[in-house]
Amino acid sequence: MIAIPKLTNLKGRAQVAAMKSDLRNLVTLEENYFAQYLKYATAADLAGIYTVTVGNSMPIIALTGTVDRDADEPHRGQMCAVFMGSTPARPAMKEGAPECAEAGTSTVTQ
């Protein structure tokens, strides 16, 4: 009885770690794109270049004048986000640092 919840928790933490890794890779790709084209990439610009870990959904990329927001929402109700620019994308509050939370909450998981 105890092993099943611990295994489920471990799998959930691994999924969150994979989402954060995907978003860190996306930040690197976006910064390289920006250095080359002097603008951040849209999802269409990254088609065929950027892929995510199996089991994760493709991030939503929303561009504004000063911010690049990316979020990844897998099946488990977790939401991870990262932003570049001046407008935070909850749950991320530090530029370029992916953060995750249960969908619909403000609690951040490390």
PDB file of N, CA and C in Angstrom:
ATOM      1  N   MET A   1       0.807  -1.198   0.000  1.00  0.00           N
ATOM      2  CA  MET A   1       0.000   0.000   0.000  1.00  0.00           C
ATOM      3  C   MET A   1       0.851   1.263   0.000  1.00  0.00           C
ATOM      4  N   ILE A   2       1.962   1.264   0.690  1.00  0.00           N
ATOM      5  CA  ILE A   2       2.813   2.448   0.786  1.00  0.00           C
ATOM      6  C   ILE A   2       3.614   2.637  -0.498  1.00  0.00           C
ATOM      7  N   ALA A   3       4.038   1.562  -1.138  1.00  0.00           N
ATOM      8  CA  ALA A   3       4.880   1.651  -2.329  1.00  0.00           C
ATOM      9  C   ALA A   3       4.167   2.319  -3.494  1.00  0.00           C
ATOM     10  N   ILE A   4       2.880   2.103  -3.653  1.00  0.00           N
ATOM     11  CA  ILE A   4       2.163   2.673  -4.794  1.00  0.00           C
ATOM     12  C   ILE A   4       2.106   4.198  -4.722  1.00  0.00           C
ATOM     13  N   PRO A   5       1.732   4.821  -3.600  1.00  0.00           N
ATOM     14  CA  PRO A   5       1.749   6.287  -3.548  1.00  0.00           C
ATOM     15  C   PRO A   5       3.152   6.861  -3.747  1.00  0.00           C
ATOM     16  N   LYS A   6       4.173   6.205  -3.176  1.00  0.00           N
ATOM     17  CA  LYS A   6       5.540   6.699  -3.343  1.00  0.00           C
ATOM     18  C   LYS A   6       5.971   6.610  -4.801  1.00  0.00           C
ATOM     19  N   LEU A   7       5.615   5.524  -5.483  1.00  0.00           N
ATOM     20  CA  LEU A   7       5.943   5.365  -6.891  1.00  0.00           C
ATOM     21  C   LEU A   7       5.224   6.417  -7.723  1.00  0.00           C
ATOM     22  N   THR A   8       3.961   6.685  -7.424  1.00  0.00           N
ATOM     23  CA  THR A   8       3.196   7.713  -8.134  1.00  0.00           C
ATOM     24  C   THR A   8       3.823   9.080  -7.926  1.00  0.00           C
ATOM     25  N   ASN A   9       4.228   9.380  -6.684  1.00  0.00           N
ATOM     26  CA  ASN A   9       4.862  10.655  -6.380  1.00  0.00           C
ATOM     27  C   ASN A   9       6.180  10.789  -7.127  1.00  0.00           C
ATOM     28  N   LEU A  10       6.959   9.734  -7.185  1.00  0.00           N
ATOM     29  CA  LEU A  10       8.232   9.747  -7.900  1.00  0.00           C
ATOM     30  C   LEU A  10       8.010  10.007  -9.388  1.00  0.00           C
ATOM     31  N   LYS A  11       7.015   9.355  -9.956  1.00  0.00           N
ATOM     32  CA  LYS A  11       6.704   9.547 -11.379  1.00  0.00           C
ATOM     33  C   LYS A  11       6.283  10.997 -11.637  1.00  0.00           C
ATOM     34  N   GLY A  12       5.487  11.565 -10.739  1.00  0.00           N
ATOM     35  CA  GLY A  12       5.065  12.965 -10.882  1.00  0.00           C
ATOM     36  C   GLY A  12       6.235  13.922 -10.801  1.00  0.00           C
ATOM     37  N   ARG A  13       7.161  13.666  -9.879  1.00  0.00           N
ATOM     38  CA  ARG A  13       8.344  14.535  -9.767  1.00  0.00           C
ATOM     39  C   ARG A  13       9.220  14.419 -11.011  1.00  0.00           C
ATOM     40  N   ALA A  14       9.329  13.216 -11.568  1.00  0.00           N
ATOM     41  CA  ALA A  14      10.109  13.031 -12.796  1.00  0.00           C
ATOM     42  C   ALA A  14       9.468  13.785 -13.959  1.00  0.00           C
ATOM     43  N   GLN A  15       8.139  13.777 -14.009  1.00  0.00           N
ATOM     44  CA  GLN A  15       7.427  14.496 -15.068  1.00  0.00           C
ATOM     45  C   GLN A  15       7.671  16.009 -14.958  1.00  0.00           C
ATOM     46  N   VAL A  16       7.620  16.541 -13.732  1.00  0.00           N
ATOM     47  CA  VAL A  16       7.888  17.969 -13.515  1.00  0.00           C
ATOM     48  C   VAL A  16       9.325  18.298 -13.902  1.00  0.00           C
ATOM     49  N   ALA A  17      10.276  17.442 -13.544  1.00  0.00           N
ATOM     50  CA  ALA A  17      11.674  17.660 -13.916  1.00  0.00           C
ATOM     51  C   ALA A  17      11.844  17.676 -15.438  1.00  0.00           C
ATOM     52  N   ALA A  18      11.133  16.796 -16.126  1.00  0.00           N
ATOM     53  CA  ALA A  18      11.197  16.765 -17.593  1.00  0.00           C
ATOM     54  C   ALA A  18      10.604  18.034 -18.193  1.00  0.00           C
ATOM     55  N   MET A  19       9.495  18.524 -17.613  1.00  0.00           N
ATOM     56  CA  MET A  19       8.895  19.763 -18.119  1.00  0.00           C
ATOM     57  C   MET A  19       9.856  20.936 -17.941  1.00  0.00           C
ATOM     58  N   LYS A  20      10.486  21.026 -16.759  1.00  0.00           N
ATOM     59  CA  LYS A  20      11.447  22.111 -16.516  1.00  0.00           C
ATOM     60  C   LYS A  20      12.624  22.021 -17.489  1.00  0.00           C
ATOM     61  N   SER A  21      13.098  20.809 -17.738  1.00  0.00           N
ATOM     62  CA  SER A  21      14.195  20.622 -18.679  1.00  0.00           C
ATOM     63  C   SER A  21      13.790  21.062 -20.084  1.00  0.00           C
ATOM     64  N   ASP A  22      12.582  20.680 -20.500  1.00  0.00           N
ATOM     65  CA  ASP A  22      12.079  21.106 -21.808  1.00  0.00           C
ATOM     66  C   ASP A  22      12.047  22.629 -21.908  1.00  0.00           C
ATOM     67  N   LEU A  23      11.596  23.291 -20.843  1.00  0.00           N
ATOM     68  CA  LEU A  23      11.496  24.752 -20.872  1.00  0.00           C
ATOM     69  C   LEU A  23      12.877  25.407 -20.838  1.00  0.00           C
ATOM     70  N   ARG A  24      13.828  24.822 -20.099  1.00  0.00           N
ATOM     71  CA  ARG A  24      15.191  25.367 -20.122  1.00  0.00           C
ATOM     72  C   ARG A  24      15.777  25.259 -21.528  1.00  0.00           C
ATOM     73  N   ASN A  25      15.529  24.121 -22.191  1.00  0.00           N
ATOM     74  CA  ASN A  25      15.995  23.961 -23.572  1.00  0.00           C
ATOM     75  C   ASN A  25      15.339  24.991 -24.485  1.00  0.00           C
ATOM     76  N   LEU A  26      14.052  25.269 -24.237  1.00  0.00           N
ATOM     77  CA  LEU A  26      13.352  26.260 -25.043  1.00  0.00           C
ATOM     78  C   LEU A  26      13.921  27.656 -24.816  1.00  0.00           C
ATOM     79  N   VAL A  27      14.267  27.989 -23.571  1.00  0.00           N
ATOM     80  CA  VAL A  27      14.877  29.294 -23.277  1.00  0.00           C
ATOM     81  C   VAL A  27      16.175  29.441 -24.056  1.00  0.00           C
ATOM     82  N   THR A  28      17.005  28.399 -24.042  1.00  0.00           N
ATOM     83  CA  THR A  28      18.269  28.444 -24.780  1.00  0.00           C
ATOM     84  C   THR A  28      18.020  28.631 -26.271  1.00  0.00           C
ATOM     85  N   LEU A  29      17.082  27.879 -26.808  1.00  0.00           N
ATOM     86  CA  LEU A  29      16.750  27.994 -28.230  1.00  0.00           C
ATOM     87  C   LEU A  29      16.217  29.383 -28.559  1.00  0.00           C
ATOM     88  N   GLU A  30      15.338  29.915 -27.694  1.00  0.00           N
ATOM     89  CA  GLU A  30      14.789  31.268 -27.914  1.00  0.00           C
ATOM     90  C   GLU A  30      15.891  32.325 -27.885  1.00  0.00           C
ATOM     91  N   GLU A  31      16.820  32.208 -26.949  1.00  0.00           N
ATOM     92  CA  GLU A  31      17.897  33.200 -26.866  1.00  0.00           C
ATOM     93  C   GLU A  31      18.810  33.122 -28.088  1.00  0.00           C
ATOM     94  N   ASN A  32      19.085  31.908 -28.566  1.00  0.00           N
ATOM     95  CA  ASN A  32      19.877  31.762 -29.791  1.00  0.00           C
ATOM     96  C   ASN A  32      19.143  32.359 -30.991  1.00  0.00           C
ATOM     97  N   TYR A  33      17.833  32.107 -31.055  1.00  0.00           N
ATOM     98  CA  TYR A  33      17.013  32.652 -32.135  1.00  0.00           C
ATOM     99  C   TYR A  33      17.036  34.181 -32.078  1.00  0.00           C
ATOM    100  N   PHE A  34      16.894  34.725 -30.861  1.00  0.00           N
ATOM    101  CA  PHE A  34      16.898  36.177 -30.689  1.00  0.00           C
ATOM    102  C   PHE A  34      18.238  36.772 -31.133  1.00  0.00           C
ATOM    103  N   ALA A  35      19.335  36.121 -30.780  1.00  0.00           N
ATOM    104  CA  ALA A  35      20.659  36.613 -31.173  1.00  0.00           C
ATOM    105  C   ALA A  35      20.818  36.655 -32.693  1.00  0.00           C
ATOM    106  N   GLN A  36      20.186  35.716 -33.372  1.00  0.00           N
ATOM    107  CA  GLN A  36      20.309  35.653 -34.830  1.00  0.00           C
ATOM    108  C   GLN A  36      19.332  36.581 -35.545  1.00  0.00           C
ATOM    109  N   TYR A  37      18.063  36.669 -35.057  1.00  0.00           N
ATOM    110  CA  TYR A  37      17.020  37.394 -35.792  1.00  0.00           C
ATOM    111  C   TYR A  37      16.517  38.658 -35.089  1.00  0.00           C
ATOM    112  N   LEU A  38      17.035  38.954 -33.880  1.00  0.00           N
ATOM    113  CA  LEU A  38      16.635  40.116 -33.082  1.00  0.00           C
ATOM    114  C   LEU A  38      15.147  40.136 -32.748  1.00  0.00           C
ATOM    115  N   LYS A  39      14.579  38.958 -32.607  1.00  0.00           N
ATOM    116  CA  LYS A  39      13.203  38.779 -32.133  1.00  0.00           C
ATOM    117  C   LYS A  39      13.101  37.372 -31.586  1.00  0.00           C
ATOM    118  N   TYR A  40      12.122  37.154 -30.692  1.00  0.00           N
ATOM    119  CA  TYR A  40      11.899  35.812 -30.170  1.00  0.00           C
ATOM    120  C   TYR A  40      11.089  35.005 -31.171  1.00  0.00           C
ATOM    121  N   ALA A  41      11.286  33.705 -31.150  1.00  0.00           N
ATOM    122  CA  ALA A  41      10.629  32.801 -32.083  1.00  0.00           C
ATOM    123  C   ALA A  41       9.197  32.520 -31.655  1.00  0.00           C
ATOM    124  N   THR A  42       8.344  32.303 -32.639  1.00  0.00           N
ATOM    125  CA  THR A  42       6.987  31.826 -32.387  1.00  0.00           C
ATOM    126  C   THR A  42       7.013  30.302 -32.505  1.00  0.00           C
ATOM    127  N   ALA A  43       5.914  29.667 -32.181  1.00  0.00           N
ATOM    128  CA  ALA A  43       5.831  28.205 -32.320  1.00  0.00           C
ATOM    129  C   ALA A  43       6.086  27.793 -33.765  1.00  0.00           C
ATOM    130  N   ALA A  44       5.574  28.565 -34.715  1.00  0.00           N
ATOM    131  CA  ALA A  44       5.782  28.243 -36.134  1.00  0.00           C
ATOM    132  C   ALA A  44       7.260  28.322 -36.507  1.00  0.00           C
ATOM    133  N   ASP A  45       7.975  29.303 -35.934  1.00  0.00           N
ATOM    134  CA  ASP A  45       9.412  29.440 -36.210  1.00  0.00           C
ATOM    135  C   ASP A  45      10.199  28.238 -35.700  1.00  0.00           C
ATOM    136  N   LEU A  46       9.715  27.623 -34.625  1.00  0.00           N
ATOM    137  CA  LEU A  46      10.433  26.516 -33.992  1.00  0.00           C
ATOM    138  C   LEU A  46       9.999  25.139 -34.474  1.00  0.00           C
ATOM    139  N   ALA A  47       8.998  25.093 -35.348  1.00  0.00           N
ATOM    140  CA  ALA A  47       8.498  23.810 -35.861  1.00  0.00           C
ATOM    141  C   ALA A  47       9.648  23.033 -36.504  1.00  0.00           C
ATOM    142  N   GLY A  48       9.801  21.796 -36.098  1.00  0.00           N
ATOM    143  CA  GLY A  48      10.856  20.960 -36.635  1.00  0.00           C
ATOM    144  C   GLY A  48      12.208  21.147 -35.968  1.00  0.00           C
ATOM    145  N   ILE A  49      12.340  22.176 -35.135  1.00  0.00           N
ATOM    146  CA  ILE A  49      13.600  22.450 -34.443  1.00  0.00           C
ATOM    147  C   ILE A  49      13.512  22.029 -32.984  1.00  0.00           C
ATOM    148  N   TYR A  50      12.361  22.286 -32.356  1.00  0.00           N
ATOM    149  CA  TYR A  50      12.185  22.047 -30.930  1.00  0.00           C
ATOM    150  C   TYR A  50      11.195  20.922 -30.690  1.00  0.00           C
ATOM    151  N   THR A  51      11.578  19.965 -29.871  1.00  0.00           N
ATOM    152  CA  THR A  51      10.681  18.881 -29.477  1.00  0.00           C
ATOM    153  C   THR A  51      10.695  18.769 -27.958  1.00  0.00           C
ATOM    154  N   VAL A  52       9.667  18.152 -27.409  1.00  0.00           N
ATOM    155  CA  VAL A  52       9.570  17.980 -25.961  1.00  0.00           C
ATOM    156  C   VAL A  52       9.705  16.513 -25.601  1.00  0.00           C
ATOM    157  N   THR A  53       9.918  16.255 -24.326  1.00  0.00           N
ATOM    158  CA  THR A  53      10.006  14.898 -23.796  1.00  0.00           C
ATOM    159  C   THR A  53       8.696  14.163 -24.049  1.00  0.00           C
ATOM    160  N   VAL A  54       8.780  12.880 -24.363  1.00  0.00           N
ATOM    161  CA  VAL A  54       7.587  12.065 -24.569  1.00  0.00           C
ATOM    162  C   VAL A  54       6.716  12.149 -23.323  1.00  0.00           C
ATOM    163  N   GLY A  55       5.426  12.403 -23.518  1.00  0.00           N
ATOM    164  CA  GLY A  55       4.500  12.537 -22.400  1.00  0.00           C
ATOM    165  C   GLY A  55       4.184  13.983 -22.053  1.00  0.00           C
ATOM    166  N   ASN A  56       4.996  14.913 -22.507  1.00  0.00           N
ATOM    167  CA  ASN A  56       4.737  16.340 -22.291  1.00  0.00           C
ATOM    168  C   ASN A  56       4.081  16.922 -23.533  1.00  0.00           C
ATOM    169  N   SER A  57       3.253  17.918 -23.331  1.00  0.00           N
ATOM    170  CA  SER A  57       2.649  18.595 -24.472  1.00  0.00           C
ATOM    171  C   SER A  57       3.550  19.738 -24.906  1.00  0.00           C
ATOM    172  N   MET A  58       3.413  20.134 -26.162  1.00  0.00           N
ATOM    173  CA  MET A  58       4.216  21.229 -26.691  1.00  0.00           C
ATOM    174  C   MET A  58       3.856  22.512 -25.943  1.00  0.00           C
ATOM    175  N   PRO A  59       4.838  23.302 -25.532  1.00  0.00           N
ATOM    176  CA  PRO A  59       4.541  24.550 -24.826  1.00  0.00           C
ATOM    177  C   PRO A  59       3.750  25.528 -25.681  1.00  0.00           C
ATOM    178  N   ILE A  60       3.000  26.355 -25.008  1.00  0.00           N
ATOM    179  CA  ILE A  60       2.293  27.457 -25.664  1.00  0.00           C
ATOM    180  C   ILE A  60       3.240  28.644 -25.619  1.00  0.00           C
ATOM    181  N   ILE A  61       3.532  29.226 -26.762  1.00  0.00           N
ATOM    182  CA  ILE A  61       4.440  30.367 -26.821  1.00  0.00           C
ATOM    183  C   ILE A  61       3.613  31.601 -27.153  1.00  0.00           C
ATOM    184  N   ALA A  62       3.612  32.563 -26.240  1.00  0.00           N
ATOM    185  CA  ALA A  62       2.855  33.799 -26.436  1.00  0.00           C
ATOM    186  C   ALA A  62       3.836  34.958 -26.390  1.00  0.00           C
ATOM    187  N   LEU A  63       3.920  35.703 -27.467  1.00  0.00           N
ATOM    188  CA  LEU A  63       4.843  36.822 -27.545  1.00  0.00           C
ATOM    189  C   LEU A  63       4.103  38.143 -27.412  1.00  0.00           C
ATOM    190  N   THR A  64       4.687  39.055 -26.630  1.00  0.00           N
ATOM    191  CA  THR A  64       4.216  40.443 -26.573  1.00  0.00           C
ATOM    192  C   THR A  64       5.421  41.316 -26.836  1.00  0.00           C
ATOM    193  N   GLY A  65       5.275  42.607 -26.696  1.00  0.00           N
ATOM    194  CA  GLY A  65       6.398  43.504 -26.946  1.00  0.00           C
ATOM    195  C   GLY A  65       7.579  43.282 -26.027  1.00  0.00           C
ATOM    196  N   THR A  66       7.339  42.855 -24.788  1.00  0.00           N
ATOM    197  CA  THR A  66       8.430  42.751 -23.837  1.00  0.00           C
ATOM    198  C   THR A  66       8.555  41.394 -23.179  1.00  0.00           C
ATOM    199  N   VAL A  67       7.745  40.443 -23.561  1.00  0.00           N
ATOM    200  CA  VAL A  67       7.774  39.179 -22.833  1.00  0.00           C
ATOM    201  C   VAL A  67       7.622  37.990 -23.771  1.00  0.00           C
ATOM    202  N   ASP A  68       8.227  36.900 -23.389  1.00  0.00           N
ATOM    203  CA  ASP A  68       8.081  35.628 -24.091  1.00  0.00           C
ATOM    204  C   ASP A  68       7.647  34.625 -23.041  1.00  0.00           C
ATOM    205  N   ARG A  69       6.431  34.103 -23.139  1.00  0.00           N
ATOM    206  CA  ARG A  69       5.902  33.182 -22.133  1.00  0.00           C
ATOM    207  C   ARG A  69       5.766  31.796 -22.730  1.00  0.00           C
ATOM    208  N   ASP A  70       6.160  30.826 -21.954  1.00  0.00           N
ATOM    209  CA  ASP A  70       6.061  29.447 -22.389  1.00  0.00           C
ATOM    210  C   ASP A  70       5.467  28.626 -21.254  1.00  0.00           C
ATOM    211  N   ALA A  71       4.514  27.761 -21.563  1.00  0.00           N
ATOM    212  CA  ALA A  71       3.914  26.920 -20.523  1.00  0.00           C
ATOM    213  C   ALA A  71       3.748  25.508 -21.052  1.00  0.00           C
ATOM    214  N   ASP A  72       3.843  24.557 -20.170  1.00  0.00           N
ATOM    215  CA  ASP A  72       3.718  23.162 -20.543  1.00  0.00           C
ATOM    216  C   ASP A  72       2.741  22.518 -19.572  1.00  0.00           C
ATOM    217  N   GLU A  73       1.645  21.949 -20.065  1.00  0.00           N
ATOM    218  CA  GLU A  73       0.630  21.353 -19.202  1.00  0.00           C
ATOM    219  C   GLU A  73       0.431  19.885 -19.557  1.00  0.00           C
ATOM    220  N   PRO A  74       1.011  18.969 -18.792  1.00  0.00           N
ATOM    221  CA  PRO A  74       0.796  17.547 -19.073  1.00  0.00           C
ATOM    222  C   PRO A  74      -0.515  17.065 -18.460  1.00  0.00           C
ATOM    223  N   HIS A  75      -0.729  15.777 -18.547  1.00  0.00           N
ATOM    224  CA  HIS A  75      -1.978  15.163 -18.111  1.00  0.00           C
ATOM    225  C   HIS A  75      -2.218  15.267 -16.608  1.00  0.00           C
ATOM    226  N   ARG A  76      -1.222  15.414 -15.794  1.00  0.00           N
ATOM    227  CA  ARG A  76      -1.340  15.326 -14.352  1.00  0.00           C
ATOM    228  C   ARG A  76      -1.829  16.609 -13.692  1.00  0.00           C
ATOM    229  N   GLY A  77      -2.189  17.641 -14.416  1.00  0.00           N
ATOM    230  CA  GLY A  77      -2.678  18.852 -13.801  1.00  0.00           C
ATOM    231  C   GLY A  77      -1.577  19.788 -13.346  1.00  0.00           C
ATOM    232  N   GLN A  78      -0.332  19.521 -13.732  1.00  0.00           N
ATOM    233  CA  GLN A  78       0.774  20.415 -13.434  1.00  0.00           C
ATOM    234  C   GLN A  78       0.885  21.434 -14.547  1.00  0.00           C
ATOM    235  N   MET A  79       1.324  22.625 -14.209  1.00  0.00           N
ATOM    236  CA  MET A  79       1.578  23.650 -15.207  1.00  0.00           C
ATOM    237  C   MET A  79       2.930  24.254 -14.898  1.00  0.00           C
ATOM    238  N   CYS A  80       3.793  24.298 -15.885  1.00  0.00           N
ATOM    239  CA  CYS A  80       5.102  24.925 -15.732  1.00  0.00           C
ATOM    240  C   CYS A  80       5.164  26.104 -16.681  1.00  0.00           C
ATOM    241  N   ALA A  81       5.884  27.139 -16.264  1.00  0.00           N
ATOM    242  CA  ALA A  81       6.013  28.323 -17.104  1.00  0.00           C
ATOM    243  C   ALA A  81       7.408  28.910 -16.954  1.00  0.00           C
ATOM    244  N   VAL A  82       7.813  29.634 -17.949  1.00  0.00           N
ATOM    245  CA  VAL A  82       9.055  30.391 -17.926  1.00  0.00           C
ATOM    246  C   VAL A  82       8.794  31.654 -18.733  1.00  0.00           C
ATOM    247  N   PHE A  83       9.450  32.746 -18.369  1.00  0.00           N
ATOM    248  CA  PHE A  83       9.281  33.974 -19.147  1.00  0.00           C
ATOM    249  C   PHE A  83      10.617  34.658 -19.343  1.00  0.00           C
ATOM    250  N   MET A  84      10.680  35.465 -20.394  1.00  0.00           N
ATOM    251  CA  MET A  84      11.832  36.308 -20.660  1.00  0.00           C
ATOM    252  C   MET A  84      11.275  37.690 -20.944  1.00  0.00           C
ATOM    253  N   GLY A  85      11.785  38.685 -20.283  1.00  0.00           N
ATOM    254  CA  GLY A  85      11.275  40.039 -20.433  1.00  0.00           C
ATOM    255  C   GLY A  85      10.849  40.587 -19.095  1.00  0.00           C
ATOM    256  N   SER A  86       9.920  41.515 -19.108  1.00  0.00           N
ATOM    257  CA  SER A  86       9.579  42.214 -17.876  1.00  0.00           C
ATOM    258  C   SER A  86       8.285  41.763 -17.218  1.00  0.00           C
ATOM    259  N   THR A  87       7.495  40.903 -17.855  1.00  0.00           N
ATOM    260  CA  THR A  87       6.207  40.497 -17.302  1.00  0.00           C
ATOM    261  C   THR A  87       6.243  39.029 -16.887  1.00  0.00           C
ATOM    262  N   PRO A  88       6.184  38.742 -15.573  1.00  0.00           N
ATOM    263  CA  PRO A  88       6.192  37.348 -15.121  1.00  0.00           C
ATOM    264  C   PRO A  88       5.010  36.549 -15.671  1.00  0.00           C
ATOM    265  N   ALA A  89       5.235  35.259 -15.871  1.00  0.00           N
ATOM    266  CA  ALA A  89       4.193  34.328 -16.316  1.00  0.00           C
ATOM    267  C   ALA A  89       4.026  33.309 -15.201  1.00  0.00           C
ATOM    268  N   ARG A  90       3.010  33.483 -14.355  1.00  0.00           N
ATOM    269  CA  ARG A  90       2.823  32.587 -13.214  1.00  0.00           C
ATOM    270  C   ARG A  90       2.748  31.137 -13.665  1.00  0.00           C
ATOM    271  N   PRO A  91       3.363  30.237 -12.957  1.00  0.00           N
ATOM    272  CA  PRO A  91       3.972  30.388 -11.652  1.00  0.00           C
ATOM    273  C   PRO A  91       5.408  30.894 -11.674  1.00  0.00           C
ATOM    274  N   ALA A  92       6.002  31.127 -12.837  1.00  0.00           N
ATOM    275  CA  ALA A  92       7.382  31.621 -12.913  1.00  0.00           C
ATOM    276  C   ALA A  92       7.438  33.086 -12.487  1.00  0.00           C
ATOM    277  N   MET A  93       8.346  33.399 -11.596  1.00  0.00           N
ATOM    278  CA  MET A  93       8.493  34.772 -11.130  1.00  0.00           C
ATOM    279  C   MET A  93       9.908  35.312 -11.345  1.00  0.00           C
ATOM    280  N   LYS A  94      10.841  34.444 -11.768  1.00  0.00           N
ATOM    281  CA  LYS A  94      12.221  34.843 -12.019  1.00  0.00           C
ATOM    282  C   LYS A  94      12.520  34.600 -13.493  1.00  0.00           C
ATOM    283  N   GLU A  95      12.945  35.624 -14.171  1.00  0.00           N
ATOM    284  CA  GLU A  95      13.182  35.539 -15.614  1.00  0.00           C
ATOM    285  C   GLU A  95      14.109  34.382 -15.975  1.00  0.00           C
ATOM    286  N   GLY A  96      13.668  33.579 -16.952  1.00  0.00           N
ATOM    287  CA  GLY A  96      14.467  32.473 -17.464  1.00  0.00           C
ATOM    288  C   GLY A  96      14.509  31.239 -16.594  1.00  0.00           C
ATOM    289  N   ALA A  97      13.785  31.247 -15.462  1.00  0.00           N
ATOM    290  CA  ALA A  97      13.797  30.105 -14.541  1.00  0.00           C
ATOM    291  C   ALA A  97      12.439  29.414 -14.536  1.00  0.00           C
ATOM    292  N   PRO A  98      12.332  28.223 -15.113  1.00  0.00           N
ATOM    293  CA  PRO A  98      11.057  27.509 -15.119  1.00  0.00           C
ATOM    294  C   PRO A  98      10.574  27.189 -13.704  1.00  0.00           C
ATOM    295  N   GLU A  99       9.284  27.367 -13.457  1.00  0.00           N
ATOM    296  CA  GLU A  99       8.651  26.999 -12.191  1.00  0.00           C
ATOM    297  C   GLU A  99       7.369  26.241 -12.505  1.00  0.00           C
ATOM    298  N   CYS A 100       6.954  25.382 -11.599  1.00  0.00           N
ATOM    299  CA  CYS A 100       5.768  24.558 -11.796  1.00  0.00           C
ATOM    300  C   CYS A 100       4.833  24.666 -10.618  1.00  0.00           C
ATOM    301  N   ALA A 101       3.533  24.458 -10.883  1.00  0.00           N
ATOM    302  CA  ALA A 101       2.505  24.457  -9.839  1.00  0.00           C
ATOM    303  C   ALA A 101       1.355  23.569 -10.309  1.00  0.00           C
ATOM    304  N   GLU A 102       0.540  23.142  -9.361  1.00  0.00           N
ATOM    305  CA  GLU A 102      -0.684  22.440  -9.713  1.00  0.00           C
ATOM    306  C   GLU A 102      -1.526  23.417 -10.525  1.00  0.00           C
ATOM    307  N   ALA A 103      -2.131  22.969 -11.586  1.00  0.00           N
ATOM    308  CA  ALA A 103      -2.987  23.831 -12.416  1.00  0.00           C
ATOM    309  C   ALA A 103      -4.084  24.417 -11.539  1.00  0.00           C
ATOM    310  N   GLY A 104      -4.276  25.732 -11.620  1.00  0.00           N
ATOM    311  CA  GLY A 104      -5.320  26.406 -10.865  1.00  0.00           C
ATOM    312  C   GLY A 104      -4.908  26.839  -9.476  1.00  0.00           C
ATOM    313  N   THR A 105      -3.601  26.669  -9.109  1.00  0.00           N
ATOM    314  CA  THR A 105      -3.127  27.124  -7.801  1.00  0.00           C
ATOM    315  C   THR A 105      -1.967  28.080  -7.983  1.00  0.00           C
ATOM    316  N   SER A 106      -1.560  28.698  -6.913  1.00  0.00           N
ATOM    317  CA  SER A 106      -0.391  29.581  -6.976  1.00  0.00           C
ATOM    318  C   SER A 106       0.793  28.978  -6.252  1.00  0.00           C
ATOM    319  N   THR A 107       0.660  27.733  -5.754  1.00  0.00           N
ATOM    320  CA  THR A 107       1.757  27.060  -5.052  1.00  0.00           C
ATOM    321  C   THR A 107       2.771  26.561  -6.063  1.00  0.00           C
ATOM    322  N   VAL A 108       4.019  26.936  -5.859  1.00  0.00           N
ATOM    323  CA  VAL A 108       5.092  26.580  -6.785  1.00  0.00           C
ATOM    324  C   VAL A 108       5.838  25.365  -6.241  1.00  0.00           C
ATOM    325  N   THR A 109       6.140  24.407  -7.131  1.00  0.00           N
ATOM    326  CA  THR A 109       6.959  23.254  -6.746  1.00  0.00           C
ATOM    327  C   THR A 109       8.371  23.485  -7.219  1.00  0.00           C
ATOM    328  N   GLN A 110       9.315  23.076  -6.433  1.00  0.00           N
ATOM    329  CA  GLN A 110      10.730  23.271  -6.778  1.00  0.00           C
ATOM    330  C   GLN A 110      11.284  22.060  -7.496  1.00  0.00           C
TER     331      GLN A 110
END
